Amino acid sequence: MPRTVSSIVALGAEIRAERQSRGLTQAELARRAGVSRAFVIDVERGRRPGAELSRTFAVVRALGLAVALTPDDESNFDDALDQLLGEEP
């Protein structure tokens, strides 16, 4: 079932939950994604608001997940992108 996340912290929590449900360690996920364990830790904790999308997507793909963009009635795309990148609108 699709899950909606609206912040980098929520995205990190979803990534952590999915990793744990698959019985993977942070190191195993990092190896599969081709990123460092430190990167996985930071993403899971929401500490990488400006993280490279390609590296973040590598972590998501390593879990067999996809990212879908859906309309959000409460904000526009530019505001959501600014939030994702950790920039103030």
PDB file of N, CA and C in Angstrom:
ATOM      1  N   MET A   1       0.848  -1.177   0.000  1.00  0.00           N
ATOM      2  CA  MET A   1       0.000   0.000   0.000  1.00  0.00           C
ATOM      3  C   MET A   1       0.896   1.243   0.000  1.00  0.00           C
ATOM      4  N   PRO A   2       0.613   2.213  -0.857  1.00  0.00           N
ATOM      5  CA  PRO A   2       1.424   3.428  -0.899  1.00  0.00           C
ATOM      6  C   PRO A   2       1.343   4.196   0.420  1.00  0.00           C
ATOM      7  N   ARG A   3       2.465   4.751   0.811  1.00  0.00           N
ATOM      8  CA  ARG A   3       2.519   5.575   2.008  1.00  0.00           C
ATOM      9  C   ARG A   3       2.918   6.988   1.591  1.00  0.00           C
ATOM     10  N   THR A   4       2.308   7.970   2.204  1.00  0.00           N
ATOM     11  CA  THR A   4       2.600   9.362   1.897  1.00  0.00           C
ATOM     12  C   THR A   4       3.520   9.924   2.957  1.00  0.00           C
ATOM     13  N   VAL A   5       4.583  10.560   2.508  1.00  0.00           N
ATOM     14  CA  VAL A   5       5.473  11.255   3.430  1.00  0.00           C
ATOM     15  C   VAL A   5       5.541  12.709   2.999  1.00  0.00           C
ATOM     16  N   SER A   6       5.588  13.595   3.970  1.00  0.00           N
ATOM     17  CA  SER A   6       5.578  15.019   3.646  1.00  0.00           C
ATOM     18  C   SER A   6       6.775  15.759   4.207  1.00  0.00           C
ATOM     19  N   SER A   7       7.735  15.016   4.740  1.00  0.00           N
ATOM     20  CA  SER A   7       8.943  15.669   5.250  1.00  0.00           C
ATOM     21  C   SER A   7      10.114  14.710   5.133  1.00  0.00           C
ATOM     22  N   ILE A   8      11.304  15.236   5.216  1.00  0.00           N
ATOM     23  CA  ILE A   8      12.506  14.414   5.134  1.00  0.00           C
ATOM     24  C   ILE A   8      12.600  13.496   6.347  1.00  0.00           C
ATOM     25  N   VAL A   9      12.101  13.941   7.491  1.00  0.00           N
ATOM     26  CA  VAL A   9      12.106  13.106   8.696  1.00  0.00           C
ATOM     27  C   VAL A   9      11.172  11.916   8.504  1.00  0.00           C
ATOM     28  N   ALA A  10       9.983  12.178   7.930  1.00  0.00           N
ATOM     29  CA  ALA A  10       9.032  11.088   7.676  1.00  0.00           C
ATOM     30  C   ALA A  10       9.585  10.107   6.644  1.00  0.00           C
ATOM     31  N   LEU A  11      10.280  10.615   5.628  1.00  0.00           N
ATOM     32  CA  LEU A  11      10.895   9.743   4.633  1.00  0.00           C
ATOM     33  C   LEU A  11      11.936   8.850   5.296  1.00  0.00           C
ATOM     34  N   GLY A  12      12.759   9.433   6.151  1.00  0.00           N
ATOM     35  CA  GLY A  12      13.768   8.649   6.865  1.00  0.00           C
ATOM     36  C   GLY A  12      13.153   7.575   7.727  1.00  0.00           C
ATOM     37  N   ALA A  13      12.056   7.914   8.396  1.00  0.00           N
ATOM     38  CA  ALA A  13      11.368   6.930   9.250  1.00  0.00           C
ATOM     39  C   ALA A  13      10.814   5.786   8.410  1.00  0.00           C
ATOM     40  N   GLU A  14      10.274   6.088   7.237  1.00  0.00           N
ATOM     41  CA  GLU A  14       9.746   5.046   6.350  1.00  0.00           C
ATOM     42  C   GLU A  14      10.870   4.154   5.826  1.00  0.00           C
ATOM     43  N   ILE A  15      11.999   4.757   5.486  1.00  0.00           N
ATOM     44  CA  ILE A  15      13.145   3.977   5.014  1.00  0.00           C
ATOM     45  C   ILE A  15      13.629   3.053   6.128  1.00  0.00           C
ATOM     46  N   ARG A  16      13.739   3.570   7.342  1.00  0.00           N
ATOM     47  CA  ARG A  16      14.174   2.754   8.481  1.00  0.00           C
ATOM     48  C   ARG A  16      13.212   1.599   8.724  1.00  0.00           C
ATOM     49  N   ALA A  17      11.909   1.896   8.727  1.00  0.00           N
ATOM     50  CA  ALA A  17      10.908   0.862   8.966  1.00  0.00           C
ATOM     51  C   ALA A  17      10.974  -0.225   7.894  1.00  0.00           C
ATOM     52  N   GLU A  18      11.143   0.166   6.644  1.00  0.00           N
ATOM     53  CA  GLU A  18      11.209  -0.812   5.560  1.00  0.00           C
ATOM     54  C   GLU A  18      12.483  -1.640   5.672  1.00  0.00           C
ATOM     55  N   ARG A  19      13.601  -0.999   6.006  1.00  0.00           N
ATOM     56  CA  ARG A  19      14.871  -1.728   6.170  1.00  0.00           C
ATOM     57  C   ARG A  19      14.737  -2.763   7.270  1.00  0.00           C
ATOM     58  N   GLN A  20      14.174  -2.347   8.395  1.00  0.00           N
ATOM     59  CA  GLN A  20      14.027  -3.258   9.523  1.00  0.00           C
ATOM     60  C   GLN A  20      13.056  -4.389   9.212  1.00  0.00           C
ATOM     61  N   SER A  21      11.993  -4.087   8.477  1.00  0.00           N
ATOM     62  CA  SER A  21      11.021  -5.137   8.150  1.00  0.00           C
ATOM     63  C   SER A  21      11.630  -6.189   7.229  1.00  0.00           C
ATOM     64  N   ARG A  22      12.660  -5.804   6.486  1.00  0.00           N
ATOM     65  CA  ARG A  22      13.344  -6.743   5.599  1.00  0.00           C
ATOM     66  C   ARG A  22      14.536  -7.420   6.278  1.00  0.00           C
ATOM     67  N   GLY A  23      14.772  -7.074   7.547  1.00  0.00           N
ATOM     68  CA  GLY A  23      15.856  -7.704   8.295  1.00  0.00           C
ATOM     69  C   GLY A  23      17.237  -7.269   7.845  1.00  0.00           C
ATOM     70  N   LEU A  24      17.347  -6.085   7.279  1.00  0.00           N
ATOM     71  CA  LEU A  24      18.640  -5.582   6.815  1.00  0.00           C
ATOM     72  C   LEU A  24      19.277  -4.685   7.867  1.00  0.00           C
ATOM     73  N   THR A  25      20.596  -4.739   7.957  1.00  0.00           N
ATOM     74  CA  THR A  25      21.314  -3.770   8.776  1.00  0.00           C
ATOM     75  C   THR A  25      21.541  -2.523   7.934  1.00  0.00           C
ATOM     76  N   GLN A  26      21.925  -1.452   8.604  1.00  0.00           N
ATOM     77  CA  GLN A  26      22.257  -0.233   7.863  1.00  0.00           C
ATOM     78  C   GLN A  26      23.432  -0.484   6.925  1.00  0.00           C
ATOM     79  N   ALA A  27      24.389  -1.282   7.368  1.00  0.00           N
ATOM     80  CA  ALA A  27      25.559  -1.586   6.535  1.00  0.00           C
ATOM     81  C   ALA A  27      25.158  -2.375   5.293  1.00  0.00           C
ATOM     82  N   GLU A  28      24.250  -3.342   5.462  1.00  0.00           N
ATOM     83  CA  GLU A  28      23.797  -4.136   4.311  1.00  0.00           C
ATOM     84  C   GLU A  28      23.050  -3.263   3.299  1.00  0.00           C
ATOM     85  N   LEU A  29      22.192  -2.392   3.800  1.00  0.00           N
ATOM     86  CA  LEU A  29      21.460  -1.497   2.912  1.00  0.00           C
ATOM     87  C   LEU A  29      22.428  -0.560   2.189  1.00  0.00           C
ATOM     88  N   ALA A  30      23.383  -0.031   2.908  1.00  0.00           N
ATOM     89  CA  ALA A  30      24.365   0.869   2.297  1.00  0.00           C
ATOM     90  C   ALA A  30      25.125   0.165   1.177  1.00  0.00           C
ATOM     91  N   ARG A  31      25.528  -1.072   1.426  1.00  0.00           N
ATOM     92  CA  ARG A  31      26.261  -1.834   0.397  1.00  0.00           C
ATOM     93  C   ARG A  31      25.393  -2.036  -0.829  1.00  0.00           C
ATOM     94  N   ARG A  32      24.143  -2.427  -0.625  1.00  0.00           N
ATOM     95  CA  ARG A  32      23.228  -2.649  -1.752  1.00  0.00           C
ATOM     96  C   ARG A  32      22.972  -1.376  -2.542  1.00  0.00           C
ATOM     97  N   ALA A  33      22.936  -0.253  -1.847  1.00  0.00           N
ATOM     98  CA  ALA A  33      22.639   1.032  -2.487  1.00  0.00           C
ATOM     99  C   ALA A  33      23.885   1.706  -3.051  1.00  0.00           C
ATOM    100  N   GLY A  34      25.061   1.232  -2.658  1.00  0.00           N
ATOM    101  CA  GLY A  34      26.293   1.854  -3.124  1.00  0.00           C
ATOM    102  C   GLY A  34      26.574   3.190  -2.460  1.00  0.00           C
ATOM    103  N   VAL A  35      26.147   3.307  -1.208  1.00  0.00           N
ATOM    104  CA  VAL A  35      26.394   4.527  -0.428  1.00  0.00           C
ATOM    105  C   VAL A  35      27.049   4.130   0.894  1.00  0.00           C
ATOM    106  N   SER A  36      27.481   5.107   1.660  1.00  0.00           N
ATOM    107  CA  SER A  36      28.106   4.806   2.942  1.00  0.00           C
ATOM    108  C   SER A  36      27.047   4.523   4.013  1.00  0.00           C
ATOM    109  N   ARG A  37      27.466   3.802   5.033  1.00  0.00           N
ATOM    110  CA  ARG A  37      26.570   3.537   6.164  1.00  0.00           C
ATOM    111  C   ARG A  37      26.194   4.853   6.831  1.00  0.00           C
ATOM    112  N   ALA A  38      27.142   5.781   6.912  1.00  0.00           N
ATOM    113  CA  ALA A  38      26.868   7.095   7.511  1.00  0.00           C
ATOM    114  C   ALA A  38      25.748   7.812   6.759  1.00  0.00           C
ATOM    115  N   PHE A  39      25.728   7.662   5.436  1.00  0.00           N
ATOM    116  CA  PHE A  39      24.666   8.286   4.644  1.00  0.00           C
ATOM    117  C   PHE A  39      23.318   7.680   5.011  1.00  0.00           C
ATOM    118  N   VAL A  40      23.243   6.356   5.113  1.00  0.00           N
ATOM    119  CA  VAL A  40      21.991   5.686   5.481  1.00  0.00           C
ATOM    120  C   VAL A  40      21.538   6.147   6.859  1.00  0.00           C
ATOM    121  N   ILE A  41      22.452   6.208   7.800  1.00  0.00           N
ATOM    122  CA  ILE A  41      22.109   6.663   9.154  1.00  0.00           C
ATOM    123  C   ILE A  41      21.535   8.067   9.108  1.00  0.00           C
ATOM    124  N   ASP A  42      22.206   8.962   8.399  1.00  0.00           N
ATOM    125  CA  ASP A  42      21.740  10.354   8.327  1.00  0.00           C
ATOM    126  C   ASP A  42      20.374  10.460   7.649  1.00  0.00           C
ATOM    127  N   VAL A  43      20.150   9.711   6.571  1.00  0.00           N
ATOM    128  CA  VAL A  43      18.852   9.748   5.885  1.00  0.00           C
ATOM    129  C   VAL A  43      17.766   9.222   6.814  1.00  0.00           C
ATOM    130  N   GLU A  44      18.031   8.117   7.493  1.00  0.00           N
ATOM    131  CA  GLU A  44      17.029   7.557   8.403  1.00  0.00           C
ATOM    132  C   GLU A  44      16.678   8.515   9.534  1.00  0.00           C
ATOM    133  N   ARG A  45      17.603   9.321   9.947  1.00  0.00           N
ATOM    134  CA  ARG A  45      17.363  10.261  11.045  1.00  0.00           C
ATOM    135  C   ARG A  45      16.865  11.622  10.562  1.00  0.00           C
ATOM    136  N   GLY A  46      16.719  11.785   9.248  1.00  0.00           N
ATOM    137  CA  GLY A  46      16.256  13.057   8.707  1.00  0.00           C
ATOM    138  C   GLY A  46      17.293  14.148   8.767  1.00  0.00           C
ATOM    139  N   ARG A  47      18.548  13.764   8.829  1.00  0.00           N
ATOM    140  CA  ARG A  47      19.636  14.738   8.964  1.00  0.00           C
ATOM    141  C   ARG A  47      20.275  15.119   7.634  1.00  0.00           C
ATOM    142  N   ARG A  48      19.708  14.663   6.540  1.00  0.00           N
ATOM    143  CA  ARG A  48      20.264  14.974   5.224  1.00  0.00           C
ATOM    144  C   ARG A  48      19.215  15.671   4.361  1.00  0.00           C
ATOM    145  N   PRO A  49      18.702  16.834   4.803  1.00  0.00           N
ATOM    146  CA  PRO A  49      17.635  17.482   4.035  1.00  0.00           C
ATOM    147  C   PRO A  49      18.073  17.871   2.628  1.00  0.00           C
ATOM    148  N   GLY A  50      19.351  18.106   2.426  1.00  0.00           N
ATOM    149  CA  GLY A  50      19.847  18.467   1.104  1.00  0.00           C
ATOM    150  C   GLY A  50      20.558  17.321   0.426  1.00  0.00           C
ATOM    151  N   ALA A  51      20.287  16.097   0.862  1.00  0.00           N
ATOM    152  CA  ALA A  51      20.971  14.924   0.308  1.00  0.00           C
ATOM    153  C   ALA A  51      20.732  14.830  -1.192  1.00  0.00           C
ATOM    154  N   GLU A  52      21.739  14.363  -1.898  1.00  0.00           N
ATOM    155  CA  GLU A  52      21.597  14.162  -3.334  1.00  0.00           C
ATOM    156  C   GLU A  52      20.446  13.210  -3.594  1.00  0.00           C
ATOM    157  N   LEU A  53      19.565  13.606  -4.481  1.00  0.00           N
ATOM    158  CA  LEU A  53      18.426  12.743  -4.789  1.00  0.00           C
ATOM    159  C   LEU A  53      18.878  11.410  -5.357  1.00  0.00           C
ATOM    160  N   SER A  54      19.920  11.407  -6.164  1.00  0.00           N
ATOM    161  CA  SER A  54      20.359  10.143  -6.758  1.00  0.00           C
ATOM    162  C   SER A  54      20.802   9.157  -5.682  1.00  0.00           C
ATOM    163  N   ARG A  55      21.473   9.637  -4.642  1.00  0.00           N
ATOM    164  CA  ARG A  55      21.911   8.755  -3.560  1.00  0.00           C
ATOM    165  C   ARG A  55      20.726   8.316  -2.715  1.00  0.00           C
ATOM    166  N   THR A  56      19.791   9.224  -2.457  1.00  0.00           N
ATOM    167  CA  THR A  56      18.600   8.873  -1.688  1.00  0.00           C
ATOM    168  C   THR A  56      17.765   7.864  -2.465  1.00  0.00           C
ATOM    169  N   PHE A  57      17.607   8.069  -3.775  1.00  0.00           N
ATOM    170  CA  PHE A  57      16.864   7.119  -4.600  1.00  0.00           C
ATOM    171  C   PHE A  57      17.560   5.768  -4.649  1.00  0.00           C
ATOM    172  N   ALA A  58      18.882   5.750  -4.589  1.00  0.00           N
ATOM    173  CA  ALA A  58      19.602   4.472  -4.574  1.00  0.00           C
ATOM    174  C   ALA A  58      19.224   3.674  -3.331  1.00  0.00           C
ATOM    175  N   VAL A  59      19.093   4.344  -2.201  1.00  0.00           N
ATOM    176  CA  VAL A  59      18.685   3.678  -0.963  1.00  0.00           C
ATOM    177  C   VAL A  59      17.253   3.155  -1.110  1.00  0.00           C
ATOM    178  N   VAL A  60      16.368   3.980  -1.652  1.00  0.00           N
ATOM    179  CA  VAL A  60      14.975   3.573  -1.848  1.00  0.00           C
ATOM    180  C   VAL A  60      14.900   2.371  -2.792  1.00  0.00           C
ATOM    181  N   ARG A  61      15.636   2.420  -3.906  1.00  0.00           N
ATOM    182  CA  ARG A  61      15.626   1.312  -4.868  1.00  0.00           C
ATOM    183  C   ARG A  61      16.209   0.042  -4.271  1.00  0.00           C
ATOM    184  N   ALA A  62      17.229   0.171  -3.418  1.00  0.00           N
ATOM    185  CA  ALA A  62      17.835  -1.001  -2.790  1.00  0.00           C
ATOM    186  C   ALA A  62      16.836  -1.728  -1.891  1.00  0.00           C
ATOM    187  N   LEU A  63      15.805  -1.018  -1.463  1.00  0.00           N
ATOM    188  CA  LEU A  63      14.732  -1.630  -0.664  1.00  0.00           C
ATOM    189  C   LEU A  63      13.595  -2.137  -1.544  1.00  0.00           C
ATOM    190  N   GLY A  64      13.743  -1.976  -2.857  1.00  0.00           N
ATOM    191  CA  GLY A  64      12.697  -2.419  -3.769  1.00  0.00           C
ATOM    192  C   GLY A  64      11.487  -1.501  -3.778  1.00  0.00           C
ATOM    193  N   LEU A  65      11.692  -0.248  -3.407  1.00  0.00           N
ATOM    194  CA  LEU A  65      10.598   0.721  -3.362  1.00  0.00           C
ATOM    195  C   LEU A  65      10.744   1.721  -4.500  1.00  0.00           C
ATOM    196  N   ALA A  66       9.717   2.520  -4.713  1.00  0.00           N
ATOM    197  CA  ALA A  66       9.724   3.569  -5.720  1.00  0.00           C
ATOM    198  C   ALA A  66       9.209   4.851  -5.076  1.00  0.00           C
ATOM    199  N   VAL A  67       9.468   5.950  -5.725  1.00  0.00           N
ATOM    200  CA  VAL A  67       8.987   7.249  -5.263  1.00  0.00           C
ATOM    201  C   VAL A  67       7.938   7.733  -6.253  1.00  0.00           C
ATOM    202  N   ALA A  68       6.813   8.163  -5.748  1.00  0.00           N
ATOM    203  CA  ALA A  68       5.742   8.695  -6.593  1.00  0.00           C
ATOM    204  C   ALA A  68       5.413  10.103  -6.130  1.00  0.00           C
ATOM    205  N   LEU A  69       5.266  11.000  -7.068  1.00  0.00           N
ATOM    206  CA  LEU A  69       4.860  12.367  -6.755  1.00  0.00           C
ATOM    207  C   LEU A  69       3.354  12.457  -6.946  1.00  0.00           C
ATOM    208  N   THR A  70       2.678  12.977  -5.931  1.00  0.00           N
ATOM    209  CA  THR A  70       1.232  13.119  -5.998  1.00  0.00           C
ATOM    210  C   THR A  70       0.857  14.541  -5.616  1.00  0.00           C
ATOM    211  N   PRO A  71      -0.256  15.027  -6.110  1.00  0.00           N
ATOM    212  CA  PRO A  71      -0.686  16.381  -5.749  1.00  0.00           C
ATOM    213  C   PRO A  71      -0.940  16.491  -4.250  1.00  0.00           C
ATOM    214  N   ASP A  72      -0.596  17.604  -3.707  1.00  0.00           N
ATOM    215  CA  ASP A  72      -0.832  17.885  -2.298  1.00  0.00           C
ATOM    216  C   ASP A  72      -1.618  19.180  -2.241  1.00  0.00           C
ATOM    217  N   ASP A  73      -2.808  19.130  -1.759  1.00  0.00           N
ATOM    218  CA  ASP A  73      -3.670  20.307  -1.733  1.00  0.00           C
ATOM    219  C   ASP A  73      -3.159  21.391  -0.798  1.00  0.00           C
ATOM    220  N   GLU A  74      -2.294  21.025   0.123  1.00  0.00           N
ATOM    221  CA  GLU A  74      -1.856  21.988   1.122  1.00  0.00           C
ATOM    222  C   GLU A  74      -0.592  22.746   0.740  1.00  0.00           C
ATOM    223  N   SER A  75       0.121  22.317  -0.278  1.00  0.00           N
ATOM    224  CA  SER A  75       1.319  23.039  -0.693  1.00  0.00           C
ATOM    225  C   SER A  75       1.534  22.832  -2.174  1.00  0.00           C
ATOM    226  N   ASN A  76       2.331  23.695  -2.752  1.00  0.00           N
ATOM    227  CA  ASN A  76       2.619  23.531  -4.164  1.00  0.00           C
ATOM    228  C   ASN A  76       3.964  22.841  -4.346  1.00  0.00           C
ATOM    229  N   PHE A  77       4.253  22.474  -5.567  1.00  0.00           N
ATOM    230  CA  PHE A  77       5.464  21.714  -5.857  1.00  0.00           C
ATOM    231  C   PHE A  77       6.721  22.459  -5.412  1.00  0.00           C
ATOM    232  N   ASP A  78       6.791  23.762  -5.667  1.00  0.00           N
ATOM    233  CA  ASP A  78       7.990  24.522  -5.292  1.00  0.00           C
ATOM    234  C   ASP A  78       8.215  24.503  -3.785  1.00  0.00           C
ATOM    235  N   ASP A  79       7.150  24.630  -2.999  1.00  0.00           N
ATOM    236  CA  ASP A  79       7.280  24.572  -1.545  1.00  0.00           C
ATOM    237  C   ASP A  79       7.756  23.192  -1.095  1.00  0.00           C
ATOM    238  N   ALA A  80       7.200  22.142  -1.699  1.00  0.00           N
ATOM    239  CA  ALA A  80       7.604  20.780  -1.347  1.00  0.00           C
ATOM    240  C   ALA A  80       9.060  20.537  -1.712  1.00  0.00           C
ATOM    241  N   LEU A  81       9.490  21.015  -2.875  1.00  0.00           N
ATOM    242  CA  LEU A  81      10.882  20.853  -3.289  1.00  0.00           C
ATOM    243  C   LEU A  81      11.809  21.620  -2.353  1.00  0.00           C
ATOM    244  N   ASP A  82      11.432  22.838  -1.984  1.00  0.00           N
ATOM    245  CA  ASP A  82      12.237  23.597  -1.035  1.00  0.00           C
ATOM    246  C   ASP A  82      12.365  22.866   0.289  1.00  0.00           C
ATOM    247  N   GLN A  83      11.276  22.269   0.766  1.00  0.00           N
ATOM    248  CA  GLN A  83      11.317  21.515   2.020  1.00  0.00           C
ATOM    249  C   GLN A  83      12.213  20.311   1.891  1.00  0.00           C
ATOM    250  N   LEU A  84      12.095  19.594   0.774  1.00  0.00           N
ATOM    251  CA  LEU A  84      12.924  18.414   0.545  1.00  0.00           C
ATOM    252  C   LEU A  84      14.394  18.771   0.513  1.00  0.00           C
ATOM    253  N   LEU A  85      14.716  19.911  -0.070  1.00  0.00           N
ATOM    254  CA  LEU A  85      16.115  20.335  -0.192  1.00  0.00           C
ATOM    255  C   LEU A  85      16.608  21.079   1.044  1.00  0.00           C
ATOM    256  N   GLY A  86      15.714  21.280   2.000  1.00  0.00           N
ATOM    257  CA  GLY A  86      16.115  21.940   3.242  1.00  0.00           C
ATOM    258  C   GLY A  86      16.276  23.434   3.117  1.00  0.00           C
ATOM    259  N   GLU A  87      15.595  24.018   2.116  1.00  0.00           N
ATOM    260  CA  GLU A  87      15.674  25.456   1.904  1.00  0.00           C
ATOM    261  C   GLU A  87      14.417  26.117   2.423  1.00  0.00           C
ATOM    262  N   GLU A  88      14.551  27.327   2.862  1.00  0.00           N
ATOM    263  CA  GLU A  88      13.396  28.076   3.338  1.00  0.00           C
ATOM    264  C   GLU A  88      12.662  28.673   2.142  1.00  0.00           C
ATOM    265  N   PRO A  89      11.313  28.564   2.117  1.00  0.00           N
ATOM    266  CA  PRO A  89      10.541  29.146   1.008  1.00  0.00           C
ATOM    267  C   PRO A  89      10.578  30.653   1.021  1.00  0.00           C
TER     268      PRO A  89
END
